[in-house]
Each structure stands twice: as structure tokens, then as C-alpha cells.
Amino acid sequence: MYIFFGFLTILILILTIVSHAPLFKIRNNIKEKIVKNGLIHFTSQDNYIKIKENGLVGKKADMGFPETLLGELVWTYQYVSNDDMETKHDIVISKVRGKLDSDRYGICIRITGFCESDLNKLYTRRGFIRDNAIVYRGKVLNFNKVEVIKEWK
């Protein structure tokens, strides 16, 4: 009995770690939707100005062991609709960082116009966390257009 619960505990821990890590390349149909509709990113007004000038700059993850091995990451979401964007914002705000500093996610920007090499560096995660985050693995995600589509006060 104890062996079963020990195994179950270890399995849950492994799945939790792996489910957060963006290990899976996005599928071609998702890539086509991103080309058509773009990606969204939640940020602050101050960061928006930096993003307009420099692109979305990747940062080393501090969320767990697997992510630290992946290098610099940029966390975004596929733009689907305004309702979907609101739902994703609620998910981000409900997480620990969002609860501690909601101003950090006070605006939503939509970015479009990616080069093929950047599209090939987009990954997603699967598992327990089903928020469909799209993660760019690299130093800077460049784009042709950025616009603010929502601001929360």
C-alpha cells in the first residue's frame, strides 16, 4: 500500500514539473493561426514601451528545474478572441505572481508579423496546466506590429 502511494506521489510530482515546461513544438495548424491572428502578451505600461523598442526579450525561467534548462523564454498566448483574452488574463492574475503584482499584467498587447525562424522556436506545454501558453525559446521574439488591445485599471 505504501509503495503505491509513494509511486503515485512521485508520478504526480513528475507530471506537475513536466506539465509546466514548454517541451512540445507547436503544430502547423496552430502556427498558421498565429500567423493569421498573432500572439498576445500581458505586461505593464512601462514594459510595453520597452517591447515596442526592443521586441519581447526572453528571460531565464525561475519557475522550476526543467525551465531553467531551456534558456531564455518569452511567455505568450495565441490570440483567439477578446473573450478568450479575458479568460487568459483571469488565469494569469489568479497565479501567485498575478496576485502579488497585478499591475505587472495591466495591459494586453497583440503582436503580429513573425519571421519563419522565430515561428519555428515556438513551443507549448501539455499536461495539468491547460492554459495553452505559447513559449518562444530564444533571446528576442521580433515582430512587425504591436498594439495594445486591452488595459485594466
N, C-alpha and C. Protein backbone atom coordinates (compact mmCIF):
# COMPACT_ATOMS: atom_id res chain seq x y z
N MET A 1 0.82 -1.19 0.00
CA MET A 1 0.00 0.00 0.00
C MET A 1 0.87 1.26 0.00
N TYR A 2 1.90 1.29 0.87
CA TYR A 2 2.77 2.46 0.94
C TYR A 2 3.56 2.65 -0.36
N ILE A 3 3.93 1.55 -1.00
CA ILE A 3 4.66 1.62 -2.27
C ILE A 3 3.78 2.28 -3.33
N PHE A 4 2.51 1.92 -3.36
CA PHE A 4 1.58 2.50 -4.33
C PHE A 4 1.46 4.01 -4.14
N PHE A 5 1.26 4.44 -2.89
CA PHE A 5 1.12 5.88 -2.63
C PHE A 5 2.43 6.63 -2.89
N GLY A 6 3.55 6.00 -2.60
CA GLY A 6 4.85 6.61 -2.90
C GLY A 6 5.03 6.79 -4.40
N PHE A 7 4.70 5.74 -5.16
CA PHE A 7 4.78 5.81 -6.61
C PHE A 7 3.84 6.88 -7.15
N LEU A 8 2.62 6.92 -6.64
CA LEU A 8 1.63 7.90 -7.07
C LEU A 8 2.10 9.32 -6.79
N THR A 9 2.70 9.54 -5.64
CA THR A 9 3.21 10.86 -5.27
C THR A 9 4.33 11.29 -6.23
N ILE A 10 5.25 10.38 -6.50
CA ILE A 10 6.36 10.69 -7.41
C ILE A 10 5.82 10.97 -8.81
N LEU A 11 4.87 10.16 -9.26
CA LEU A 11 4.27 10.37 -10.58
C LEU A 11 3.61 11.74 -10.68
N ILE A 12 2.87 12.14 -9.67
CA ILE A 12 2.20 13.45 -9.67
C ILE A 12 3.24 14.57 -9.69
N LEU A 13 4.31 14.44 -8.93
CA LEU A 13 5.36 15.46 -8.93
C LEU A 13 6.01 15.58 -10.31
N ILE A 14 6.32 14.46 -10.92
CA ILE A 14 6.94 14.49 -12.25
C ILE A 14 6.00 15.12 -13.27
N LEU A 15 4.74 14.72 -13.26
CA LEU A 15 3.78 15.27 -14.21
C LEU A 15 3.58 16.77 -14.00
N THR A 16 3.60 17.21 -12.75
CA THR A 16 3.44 18.64 -12.46
C THR A 16 4.62 19.42 -13.02
N ILE A 17 5.82 18.90 -12.83
CA ILE A 17 7.01 19.59 -13.35
C ILE A 17 6.99 19.62 -14.87
N VAL A 18 6.77 18.46 -15.47
CA VAL A 18 6.80 18.37 -16.93
C VAL A 18 5.65 19.14 -17.56
N SER A 19 4.51 19.17 -16.90
CA SER A 19 3.35 19.84 -17.50
C SER A 19 3.54 21.35 -17.58
N HIS A 20 4.40 21.93 -16.77
CA HIS A 20 4.63 23.36 -16.83
C HIS A 20 5.69 23.72 -17.86
N ALA A 21 6.57 22.80 -18.16
CA ALA A 21 7.67 23.08 -19.08
C ALA A 21 7.18 23.07 -20.53
N PRO A 22 7.56 24.09 -21.30
CA PRO A 22 7.17 24.13 -22.72
C PRO A 22 8.10 23.24 -23.55
N LEU A 23 7.75 21.98 -23.64
CA LEU A 23 8.62 21.00 -24.28
C LEU A 23 8.18 20.60 -25.69
N PHE A 24 6.97 20.98 -26.09
CA PHE A 24 6.40 20.48 -27.32
C PHE A 24 6.32 21.57 -28.37
N LYS A 25 6.90 21.30 -29.56
CA LYS A 25 6.79 22.26 -30.67
C LYS A 25 5.32 22.44 -31.03
N ILE A 26 4.96 23.66 -31.42
CA ILE A 26 3.57 23.88 -31.81
C ILE A 26 3.30 23.18 -33.13
N ARG A 27 2.08 22.76 -33.29
CA ARG A 27 1.67 22.09 -34.53
C ARG A 27 1.50 23.12 -35.64
N ASN A 28 1.56 22.64 -36.88
CA ASN A 28 1.47 23.53 -38.04
C ASN A 28 0.15 24.29 -38.09
N ASN A 29 -0.96 23.66 -37.69
CA ASN A 29 -2.24 24.37 -37.73
C ASN A 29 -2.26 25.52 -36.72
N ILE A 30 -1.61 25.35 -35.60
CA ILE A 30 -1.51 26.44 -34.61
C ILE A 30 -0.60 27.54 -35.16
N LYS A 31 0.49 27.14 -35.79
CA LYS A 31 1.41 28.12 -36.39
C LYS A 31 0.67 28.98 -37.42
N GLU A 32 -0.18 28.35 -38.24
CA GLU A 32 -0.95 29.10 -39.23
C GLU A 32 -1.90 30.10 -38.57
N LYS A 33 -2.52 29.71 -37.47
CA LYS A 33 -3.41 30.62 -36.75
C LYS A 33 -2.64 31.78 -36.14
N ILE A 34 -1.43 31.51 -35.66
CA ILE A 34 -0.60 32.58 -35.10
C ILE A 34 -0.20 33.56 -36.19
N VAL A 35 0.14 33.06 -37.37
CA VAL A 35 0.47 33.95 -38.49
C VAL A 35 -0.72 34.83 -38.82
N LYS A 36 -1.91 34.25 -38.79
CA LYS A 36 -3.13 34.99 -39.14
C LYS A 36 -3.57 35.96 -38.04
N ASN A 37 -3.58 35.50 -36.78
CA ASN A 37 -4.19 36.27 -35.69
C ASN A 37 -3.21 36.86 -34.69
N GLY A 38 -1.99 36.38 -34.66
CA GLY A 38 -0.98 36.90 -33.75
C GLY A 38 -0.97 36.23 -32.39
N LEU A 39 -0.12 36.78 -31.54
CA LEU A 39 0.03 36.32 -30.17
C LEU A 39 -0.32 37.48 -29.24
N ILE A 40 -0.73 37.14 -28.01
CA ILE A 40 -0.95 38.17 -27.00
C ILE A 40 0.03 37.96 -25.85
N HIS A 41 0.31 39.06 -25.18
CA HIS A 41 1.24 39.05 -24.06
C HIS A 41 0.74 40.05 -23.03
N PHE A 42 0.69 39.64 -21.78
CA PHE A 42 0.25 40.52 -20.69
C PHE A 42 1.48 41.15 -20.06
N THR A 43 1.43 42.47 -19.89
CA THR A 43 2.59 43.19 -19.40
C THR A 43 2.15 44.48 -18.72
N SER A 44 3.12 45.31 -18.36
CA SER A 44 2.83 46.62 -17.77
C SER A 44 3.01 47.70 -18.82
N GLN A 45 2.52 48.89 -18.53
CA GLN A 45 2.67 50.01 -19.46
C GLN A 45 4.14 50.32 -19.69
N ASP A 46 4.94 50.31 -18.63
CA ASP A 46 6.38 50.58 -18.77
C ASP A 46 7.06 49.56 -19.67
N ASN A 47 6.72 48.28 -19.48
CA ASN A 47 7.32 47.24 -20.31
C ASN A 47 6.86 47.33 -21.75
N TYR A 48 5.63 47.78 -21.96
CA TYR A 48 5.11 47.92 -23.32
C TYR A 48 6.01 48.85 -24.14
N ILE A 49 6.44 49.94 -23.55
CA ILE A 49 7.31 50.89 -24.24
C ILE A 49 8.63 50.21 -24.62
N LYS A 50 9.18 49.42 -23.70
CA LYS A 50 10.43 48.69 -23.98
C LYS A 50 10.22 47.64 -25.07
N ILE A 51 9.08 46.96 -25.03
CA ILE A 51 8.77 45.92 -26.01
C ILE A 51 8.66 46.52 -27.41
N LYS A 52 8.03 47.71 -27.50
CA LYS A 52 7.92 48.38 -28.81
C LYS A 52 9.30 48.66 -29.39
N GLU A 53 10.23 49.01 -28.54
CA GLU A 53 11.57 49.39 -29.00
C GLU A 53 12.48 48.19 -29.24
N ASN A 54 12.36 47.16 -28.38
CA ASN A 54 13.35 46.08 -28.38
C ASN A 54 12.82 44.70 -28.74
N GLY A 55 11.52 44.54 -28.93
CA GLY A 55 10.93 43.22 -29.10
C GLY A 55 10.66 42.60 -27.74
N LEU A 56 10.12 41.39 -27.74
CA LEU A 56 9.88 40.68 -26.48
C LEU A 56 11.17 39.94 -26.10
N VAL A 57 11.79 40.39 -25.04
CA VAL A 57 13.09 39.86 -24.63
C VAL A 57 12.88 38.66 -23.71
N GLY A 58 13.54 37.55 -24.05
CA GLY A 58 13.44 36.35 -23.24
C GLY A 58 14.18 36.49 -21.93
N LYS A 59 13.67 35.78 -20.93
CA LYS A 59 14.30 35.77 -19.61
C LYS A 59 14.50 34.34 -19.17
N LYS A 60 15.55 34.11 -18.40
CA LYS A 60 15.77 32.80 -17.81
C LYS A 60 14.62 32.51 -16.85
N ALA A 61 14.08 31.33 -16.94
CA ALA A 61 12.96 30.96 -16.09
C ALA A 61 13.42 30.76 -14.66
N ASP A 62 12.54 31.10 -13.73
CA ASP A 62 12.81 30.87 -12.32
C ASP A 62 11.69 30.05 -11.68
N MET A 63 10.96 29.32 -12.52
CA MET A 63 9.79 28.59 -12.05
C MET A 63 10.09 27.14 -11.67
N GLY A 64 11.18 26.60 -12.13
CA GLY A 64 11.47 25.22 -11.81
C GLY A 64 12.62 24.69 -12.63
N PHE A 65 13.08 23.54 -12.25
CA PHE A 65 14.26 22.93 -12.85
C PHE A 65 14.16 22.76 -14.37
N PRO A 66 13.10 22.16 -14.91
CA PRO A 66 13.10 21.95 -16.36
C PRO A 66 13.21 23.25 -17.16
N GLU A 67 12.51 24.30 -16.70
CA GLU A 67 12.52 25.55 -17.45
C GLU A 67 13.90 26.21 -17.46
N THR A 68 14.65 26.07 -16.37
CA THR A 68 15.98 26.69 -16.33
C THR A 68 16.91 26.08 -17.37
N LEU A 69 16.67 24.84 -17.75
CA LEU A 69 17.49 24.19 -18.77
C LEU A 69 17.15 24.65 -20.18
N LEU A 70 16.02 25.29 -20.35
CA LEU A 70 15.55 25.68 -21.68
C LEU A 70 16.08 27.03 -22.14
N GLY A 71 16.79 27.75 -21.29
CA GLY A 71 17.35 29.04 -21.67
C GLY A 71 16.34 30.16 -21.51
N GLU A 72 16.49 31.20 -22.33
CA GLU A 72 15.58 32.35 -22.26
C GLU A 72 14.24 31.99 -22.87
N LEU A 73 13.17 32.44 -22.20
CA LEU A 73 11.81 32.13 -22.62
C LEU A 73 10.97 33.40 -22.64
N VAL A 74 10.05 33.46 -23.61
CA VAL A 74 9.05 34.53 -23.69
C VAL A 74 7.69 33.84 -23.66
N TRP A 75 6.86 34.18 -22.66
CA TRP A 75 5.56 33.53 -22.47
C TRP A 75 4.48 34.37 -23.12
N THR A 76 3.73 33.77 -24.04
CA THR A 76 2.64 34.44 -24.73
C THR A 76 1.46 33.47 -24.83
N TYR A 77 0.40 33.95 -25.47
CA TYR A 77 -0.76 33.11 -25.76
C TYR A 77 -1.20 33.39 -27.19
N GLN A 78 -1.80 32.41 -27.80
CA GLN A 78 -2.38 32.59 -29.12
C GLN A 78 -3.58 33.53 -28.99
N TYR A 79 -3.69 34.51 -29.91
CA TYR A 79 -4.88 35.36 -29.90
C TYR A 79 -6.00 34.63 -30.62
N VAL A 80 -7.12 34.46 -29.91
CA VAL A 80 -8.28 33.78 -30.47
C VAL A 80 -9.44 34.76 -30.60
N SER A 81 -9.76 35.43 -29.49
CA SER A 81 -10.86 36.40 -29.45
C SER A 81 -10.69 37.25 -28.21
N ASN A 82 -11.47 38.32 -28.12
CA ASN A 82 -11.40 39.16 -26.92
C ASN A 82 -11.91 38.42 -25.68
N ASP A 83 -12.93 37.59 -25.84
CA ASP A 83 -13.43 36.81 -24.70
C ASP A 83 -12.35 35.84 -24.20
N ASP A 84 -11.68 35.18 -25.13
CA ASP A 84 -10.62 34.26 -24.77
C ASP A 84 -9.48 35.01 -24.08
N MET A 85 -9.15 36.20 -24.57
CA MET A 85 -8.11 37.02 -23.96
C MET A 85 -8.46 37.35 -22.51
N GLU A 86 -9.72 37.69 -22.26
CA GLU A 86 -10.16 37.99 -20.89
C GLU A 86 -9.99 36.77 -19.98
N THR A 87 -10.34 35.60 -20.50
CA THR A 87 -10.20 34.37 -19.72
C THR A 87 -8.74 34.11 -19.40
N LYS A 88 -7.87 34.28 -20.37
CA LYS A 88 -6.44 34.06 -20.14
C LYS A 88 -5.88 35.07 -19.15
N HIS A 89 -6.36 36.31 -19.21
CA HIS A 89 -5.92 37.31 -18.25
C HIS A 89 -6.34 36.91 -16.84
N ASP A 90 -7.56 36.43 -16.70
CA ASP A 90 -8.03 35.97 -15.38
C ASP A 90 -7.15 34.84 -14.84
N ILE A 91 -6.73 33.93 -15.73
CA ILE A 91 -5.86 32.83 -15.31
C ILE A 91 -4.51 33.38 -14.84
N VAL A 92 -3.94 34.30 -15.61
CA VAL A 92 -2.64 34.88 -15.24
C VAL A 92 -2.75 35.61 -13.91
N ILE A 93 -3.78 36.39 -13.72
CA ILE A 93 -3.95 37.15 -12.48
C ILE A 93 -4.18 36.23 -11.28
N SER A 94 -4.78 35.07 -11.51
CA SER A 94 -5.06 34.17 -10.40
C SER A 94 -3.81 33.43 -9.91
N LYS A 95 -2.74 33.45 -10.69
CA LYS A 95 -1.50 32.79 -10.28
C LYS A 95 -0.78 33.65 -9.25
N VAL A 96 0.21 33.07 -8.60
CA VAL A 96 0.90 33.74 -7.50
C VAL A 96 1.44 35.10 -7.89
N ARG A 97 2.17 35.19 -9.00
CA ARG A 97 2.75 36.48 -9.41
C ARG A 97 1.67 37.51 -9.69
N GLY A 98 0.59 37.08 -10.31
CA GLY A 98 -0.51 37.99 -10.61
C GLY A 98 -1.16 38.52 -9.35
N LYS A 99 -1.29 37.67 -8.34
CA LYS A 99 -1.88 38.11 -7.07
C LYS A 99 -0.97 39.09 -6.35
N LEU A 100 0.33 38.88 -6.46
CA LEU A 100 1.29 39.75 -5.77
C LEU A 100 1.45 41.10 -6.45
N ASP A 101 1.32 41.12 -7.78
CA ASP A 101 1.58 42.35 -8.53
C ASP A 101 0.73 42.38 -9.79
N SER A 102 -0.55 42.70 -9.65
CA SER A 102 -1.45 42.67 -10.80
C SER A 102 -1.13 43.76 -11.82
N ASP A 103 -0.47 44.87 -11.40
CA ASP A 103 -0.08 45.92 -12.35
C ASP A 103 0.91 45.39 -13.39
N ARG A 104 1.63 44.37 -13.01
CA ARG A 104 2.60 43.74 -13.90
C ARG A 104 1.92 43.20 -15.16
N TYR A 105 0.61 42.91 -15.06
CA TYR A 105 -0.16 42.37 -16.16
C TYR A 105 -1.34 43.29 -16.51
N GLY A 106 -1.12 44.58 -16.42
CA GLY A 106 -2.19 45.56 -16.57
C GLY A 106 -2.64 45.85 -17.99
N ILE A 107 -1.85 45.46 -18.97
CA ILE A 107 -2.28 45.64 -20.36
C ILE A 107 -2.03 44.35 -21.14
N CYS A 108 -2.79 44.21 -22.20
CA CYS A 108 -2.60 43.08 -23.11
C CYS A 108 -2.19 43.63 -24.46
N ILE A 109 -1.08 43.15 -24.96
CA ILE A 109 -0.63 43.57 -26.29
C ILE A 109 -0.80 42.40 -27.26
N ARG A 110 -1.04 42.76 -28.49
CA ARG A 110 -1.14 41.77 -29.56
C ARG A 110 -0.01 42.02 -30.53
N ILE A 111 0.75 40.98 -30.83
CA ILE A 111 1.89 41.10 -31.72
C ILE A 111 1.66 40.22 -32.95
N THR A 112 2.07 40.74 -34.10
CA THR A 112 1.90 40.03 -35.37
C THR A 112 3.12 40.28 -36.25
N GLY A 113 3.24 39.47 -37.30
CA GLY A 113 4.31 39.66 -38.27
C GLY A 113 5.62 39.03 -37.84
N PHE A 114 5.65 37.72 -37.75
CA PHE A 114 6.83 37.00 -37.30
C PHE A 114 7.58 36.39 -38.48
N CYS A 115 8.88 36.25 -38.35
CA CYS A 115 9.65 35.56 -39.37
C CYS A 115 9.56 34.05 -39.13
N GLU A 116 9.82 33.29 -40.15
CA GLU A 116 9.69 31.82 -40.07
C GLU A 116 10.62 31.23 -39.02
N SER A 117 11.81 31.76 -38.90
CA SER A 117 12.76 31.19 -37.92
C SER A 117 12.25 31.38 -36.49
N ASP A 118 11.59 32.51 -36.22
CA ASP A 118 11.02 32.71 -34.88
C ASP A 118 9.81 31.81 -34.67
N LEU A 119 9.00 31.63 -35.70
CA LEU A 119 7.85 30.72 -35.58
C LEU A 119 8.30 29.29 -35.26
N ASN A 120 9.47 28.92 -35.76
CA ASN A 120 9.98 27.58 -35.50
C ASN A 120 10.55 27.41 -34.10
N LYS A 121 10.61 28.49 -33.33
CA LYS A 121 11.09 28.42 -31.94
C LYS A 121 9.94 28.53 -30.94
N LEU A 122 8.70 28.32 -31.41
CA LEU A 122 7.54 28.39 -30.54
C LEU A 122 7.18 27.00 -30.03
N TYR A 123 6.95 26.93 -28.72
CA TYR A 123 6.63 25.67 -28.05
C TYR A 123 5.39 25.86 -27.19
N THR A 124 4.83 24.75 -26.75
CA THR A 124 3.69 24.80 -25.83
C THR A 124 3.89 23.75 -24.76
N ARG A 125 3.04 23.78 -23.76
CA ARG A 125 3.10 22.77 -22.71
C ARG A 125 1.80 21.98 -22.73
N ARG A 126 1.90 20.77 -22.27
CA ARG A 126 0.73 19.91 -22.16
C ARG A 126 0.74 19.31 -20.78
N GLY A 127 -0.40 18.86 -20.31
CA GLY A 127 -0.45 18.23 -19.00
C GLY A 127 -1.49 18.89 -18.14
N PHE A 128 -1.20 18.99 -16.85
CA PHE A 128 -2.17 19.53 -15.90
C PHE A 128 -2.54 20.98 -16.20
N ILE A 129 -1.55 21.76 -16.59
CA ILE A 129 -1.79 23.18 -16.85
C ILE A 129 -2.28 23.31 -18.28
N ARG A 130 -3.53 23.60 -18.44
CA ARG A 130 -4.15 23.62 -19.78
C ARG A 130 -4.49 25.05 -20.20
N ASP A 131 -3.54 25.96 -20.06
CA ASP A 131 -3.80 27.34 -20.45
C ASP A 131 -3.32 27.64 -21.87
N ASN A 132 -2.72 26.64 -22.52
CA ASN A 132 -2.28 26.78 -23.91
C ASN A 132 -1.26 27.90 -24.12
N ALA A 133 -0.37 28.07 -23.16
CA ALA A 133 0.68 29.07 -23.32
C ALA A 133 1.54 28.72 -24.52
N ILE A 134 1.93 29.74 -25.27
CA ILE A 134 2.86 29.60 -26.39
C ILE A 134 4.16 30.27 -25.94
N VAL A 135 5.23 29.51 -25.96
CA VAL A 135 6.50 29.99 -25.41
C VAL A 135 7.55 30.05 -26.52
N TYR A 136 8.15 31.21 -26.63
CA TYR A 136 9.26 31.41 -27.56
C TYR A 136 10.54 31.08 -26.80
N ARG A 137 11.34 30.20 -27.36
CA ARG A 137 12.62 29.84 -26.75
C ARG A 137 13.73 30.55 -27.52
N GLY A 138 14.19 31.66 -26.93
CA GLY A 138 15.24 32.45 -27.56
C GLY A 138 15.43 33.77 -26.86
N LYS A 139 16.38 34.56 -27.35
CA LYS A 139 16.72 35.83 -26.71
C LYS A 139 15.67 36.92 -26.95
N VAL A 140 15.21 37.07 -28.20
CA VAL A 140 14.26 38.14 -28.52
C VAL A 140 13.27 37.64 -29.56
N LEU A 141 11.99 37.77 -29.26
CA LEU A 141 10.92 37.50 -30.23
C LEU A 141 10.61 38.80 -30.94
N ASN A 142 10.94 38.85 -32.22
CA ASN A 142 10.71 40.06 -33.02
C ASN A 142 9.39 39.95 -33.77
N PHE A 143 8.85 41.07 -34.13
CA PHE A 143 7.56 41.14 -34.81
C PHE A 143 7.51 42.43 -35.61
N ASN A 144 6.53 42.51 -36.51
CA ASN A 144 6.37 43.72 -37.32
C ASN A 144 5.40 44.72 -36.72
N LYS A 145 4.45 44.23 -35.91
CA LYS A 145 3.41 45.13 -35.39
C LYS A 145 3.07 44.75 -33.95
N VAL A 146 2.87 45.76 -33.12
CA VAL A 146 2.42 45.56 -31.75
C VAL A 146 1.35 46.60 -31.45
N GLU A 147 0.29 46.16 -30.78
CA GLU A 147 -0.78 47.09 -30.41
C GLU A 147 -1.35 46.70 -29.05
N VAL A 148 -1.78 47.69 -28.30
CA VAL A 148 -2.47 47.42 -27.04
C VAL A 148 -3.91 47.10 -27.38
N ILE A 149 -4.42 45.97 -26.91
CA ILE A 149 -5.82 45.62 -27.21
C ILE A 149 -6.70 45.71 -25.98
N LYS A 150 -6.09 45.82 -24.79
CA LYS A 150 -6.91 45.96 -23.57
C LYS A 150 -6.04 46.50 -22.47
N GLU A 151 -6.63 47.38 -21.66
CA GLU A 151 -5.93 47.88 -20.47
C GLU A 151 -6.87 47.74 -19.29
N TRP A 152 -6.35 47.15 -18.21
CA TRP A 152 -7.14 47.00 -16.97
C TRP A 152 -6.63 48.03 -15.97
N LYS A 153 -7.57 48.62 -15.25
CA LYS A 153 -7.17 49.63 -14.24
C LYS A 153 -7.61 49.22 -12.87
